[in-house]
Amino acid sequence: MERIENQTFQDESVSVDGKRFIACTFDGCTLLYTGGDVPVFAKCRFNDVSLQFSESAVDTLKFLSGLREGGFTQAVDKIIQGIRQVV
């Protein structure tokens, strides 16, 4: 996993797959995640940041959305609740 420390990213798109960000600052950035290795953020600061998903990450979100719309609301909501508890 690529390790990135003490860097400031400003007004740019940052690919995050497979990276470990430590004590970095993200100002006005878009974090791009394609569904690869899960990134790690430790002691980072985020200001006016947006998320963009593509490739496998989008497929996963579409799958969950389709399940929810198809009647599996409780199961998908449980997954989302589990994600919130991890954080």
C-alpha atoms as a PDB file:
ATOM      1  CA  MET A   1       0.000   0.000   0.000  1.00  0.00           C
ATOM      2  CA  GLU A   2       1.404   3.377  -1.016  1.00  0.00           C
ATOM      3  CA  ARG A   3       2.005   5.634   1.994  1.00  0.00           C
ATOM      4  CA  ILE A   4       1.446   9.391   1.630  1.00  0.00           C
ATOM      5  CA  GLU A   5       2.241  11.635   4.599  1.00  0.00           C
ATOM      6  CA  ASN A   6       1.890  15.308   5.466  1.00  0.00           C
ATOM      7  CA  GLN A   7       0.748  16.418   2.030  1.00  0.00           C
ATOM      8  CA  THR A   8      -1.801  19.050   1.148  1.00  0.00           C
ATOM      9  CA  PHE A   9      -4.087  18.443  -1.816  1.00  0.00           C
ATOM     10  CA  GLN A  10      -5.966  21.493  -3.056  1.00  0.00           C
ATOM     11  CA  ASP A  11      -8.616  21.836  -5.768  1.00  0.00           C
ATOM     12  CA  GLU A  12      -7.726  18.558  -7.451  1.00  0.00           C
ATOM     13  CA  SER A  13      -8.985  15.043  -8.036  1.00  0.00           C
ATOM     14  CA  VAL A  14      -7.144  12.471  -5.927  1.00  0.00           C
ATOM     15  CA  SER A  15      -7.196   8.755  -6.725  1.00  0.00           C
ATOM     16  CA  VAL A  16      -7.377   6.980  -3.362  1.00  0.00           C
ATOM     17  CA  ASP A  17      -7.439   3.249  -4.183  1.00  0.00           C
ATOM     18  CA  GLY A  18      -4.711   1.330  -2.376  1.00  0.00           C
ATOM     19  CA  LYS A  19      -3.233   4.348  -0.590  1.00  0.00           C
ATOM     20  CA  ARG A  20      -2.611   5.171   3.050  1.00  0.00           C
ATOM     21  CA  PHE A  21      -2.928   8.895   3.759  1.00  0.00           C
ATOM     22  CA  ILE A  22      -1.424  10.060   7.045  1.00  0.00           C
ATOM     23  CA  ALA A  23      -1.807  13.624   8.363  1.00  0.00           C
ATOM     24  CA  CYS A  24      -2.804  14.919   4.942  1.00  0.00           C
ATOM     25  CA  THR A  25      -5.097  17.851   4.191  1.00  0.00           C
ATOM     26  CA  PHE A  26      -7.685  17.787   1.430  1.00  0.00           C
ATOM     27  CA  ASP A  27      -9.101  21.197   0.461  1.00  0.00           C
ATOM     28  CA  GLY A  28     -11.718  21.452  -2.278  1.00  0.00           C
ATOM     29  CA  CYS A  29     -10.802  18.017  -3.631  1.00  0.00           C
ATOM     30  CA  THR A  30     -12.667  15.166  -5.195  1.00  0.00           C
ATOM     31  CA  LEU A  31     -11.673  11.764  -3.842  1.00  0.00           C
ATOM     32  CA  LEU A  32     -11.860   9.150  -6.604  1.00  0.00           C
ATOM     33  CA  TYR A  33     -12.501   5.527  -5.634  1.00  0.00           C
ATOM     34  CA  THR A  34     -12.804   2.757  -8.244  1.00  0.00           C
ATOM     35  CA  GLY A  35     -13.361  -0.198  -5.915  1.00  0.00           C
ATOM     36  CA  GLY A  36      -9.752  -1.332  -5.576  1.00  0.00           C
ATOM     37  CA  ASP A  37      -7.916  -1.768  -2.295  1.00  0.00           C
ATOM     38  CA  VAL A  38      -9.644   0.238   0.404  1.00  0.00           C
ATOM     39  CA  PRO A  39      -7.795   3.452   1.219  1.00  0.00           C
ATOM     40  CA  VAL A  40      -6.800   4.401   4.750  1.00  0.00           C
ATOM     41  CA  PHE A  41      -7.054   7.931   6.155  1.00  0.00           C
ATOM     42  CA  ALA A  42      -5.336   8.609   9.491  1.00  0.00           C
ATOM     43  CA  LYS A  43      -5.277  12.026  11.138  1.00  0.00           C
ATOM     44  CA  CYS A  44      -6.333  13.722   7.889  1.00  0.00           C
ATOM     45  CA  ARG A  45      -8.333  16.932   7.489  1.00  0.00           C
ATOM     46  CA  PHE A  46     -11.106  17.319   4.937  1.00  0.00           C
ATOM     47  CA  ASN A  47     -12.525  20.670   3.828  1.00  0.00           C
ATOM     48  CA  ASP A  48     -15.140  20.942   1.073  1.00  0.00           C
ATOM     49  CA  VAL A  49     -14.406  17.426  -0.221  1.00  0.00           C
ATOM     50  CA  SER A  50     -16.603  15.386  -2.540  1.00  0.00           C
ATOM     51  CA  LEU A  51     -16.548  11.694  -3.405  1.00  0.00           C
ATOM     52  CA  GLN A  52     -16.631  10.161  -6.854  1.00  0.00           C
ATOM     53  CA  PHE A  53     -17.116   6.447  -7.459  1.00  0.00           C
ATOM     54  CA  SER A  54     -16.395   4.584 -10.691  1.00  0.00           C
ATOM     55  CA  GLU A  55     -15.883   1.079 -12.054  1.00  0.00           C
ATOM     56  CA  SER A  56     -16.430  -1.652  -9.418  1.00  0.00           C
ATOM     57  CA  ALA A  57     -17.330   0.882  -6.730  1.00  0.00           C
ATOM     58  CA  VAL A  58     -20.254   2.129  -8.838  1.00  0.00           C
ATOM     59  CA  ASP A  59     -21.374  -1.437  -9.514  1.00  0.00           C
ATOM     60  CA  THR A  60     -21.525  -2.105  -5.763  1.00  0.00           C
ATOM     61  CA  LEU A  61     -23.575   1.043  -5.136  1.00  0.00           C
ATOM     62  CA  LYS A  62     -25.961   0.145  -7.989  1.00  0.00           C
ATOM     63  CA  PHE A  63     -26.330  -3.375  -6.600  1.00  0.00           C
ATOM     64  CA  LEU A  64     -27.239  -2.072  -3.133  1.00  0.00           C
ATOM     65  CA  SER A  65     -29.642   0.461  -4.625  1.00  0.00           C
ATOM     66  CA  GLY A  66     -31.312  -2.231  -6.719  1.00  0.00           C
ATOM     67  CA  LEU A  67     -31.673  -4.509  -3.695  1.00  0.00           C
ATOM     68  CA  ARG A  68     -33.247  -1.694  -1.698  1.00  0.00           C
ATOM     69  CA  GLU A  69     -35.680  -0.806  -4.480  1.00  0.00           C
ATOM     70  CA  GLY A  70     -36.472  -4.509  -4.925  1.00  0.00           C
ATOM     71  CA  GLY A  71     -37.753  -4.925  -1.380  1.00  0.00           C
ATOM     72  CA  PHE A  72     -34.598  -5.608   0.579  1.00  0.00           C
ATOM     73  CA  THR A  73     -34.780  -2.247   2.352  1.00  0.00           C
ATOM     74  CA  GLN A  74     -34.153  -3.648   5.815  1.00  0.00           C
ATOM     75  CA  ALA A  75     -31.123  -5.691   4.707  1.00  0.00           C
ATOM     76  CA  VAL A  76     -29.498  -2.754   2.890  1.00  0.00           C
ATOM     77  CA  ASP A  77     -30.231  -0.388   5.774  1.00  0.00           C
ATOM     78  CA  LYS A  78     -28.536  -2.888   8.100  1.00  0.00           C
ATOM     79  CA  ILE A  79     -25.434  -2.818   5.893  1.00  0.00           C
ATOM     80  CA  ILE A  80     -25.408   0.998   5.971  1.00  0.00           C
ATOM     81  CA  GLN A  81     -25.843   0.957   9.751  1.00  0.00           C
ATOM     82  CA  GLY A  82     -22.873  -1.425  10.026  1.00  0.00           C
ATOM     83  CA  ILE A  83     -20.742   0.952   7.951  1.00  0.00           C
ATOM     84  CA  ARG A  84     -21.647   3.831  10.272  1.00  0.00           C
ATOM     85  CA  GLN A  85     -20.625   1.793  13.330  1.00  0.00           C
ATOM     86  CA  VAL A  86     -17.208   0.970  11.866  1.00  0.00           C
ATOM     87  CA  VAL A  87     -16.434   4.647  11.469  1.00  0.00           C
END
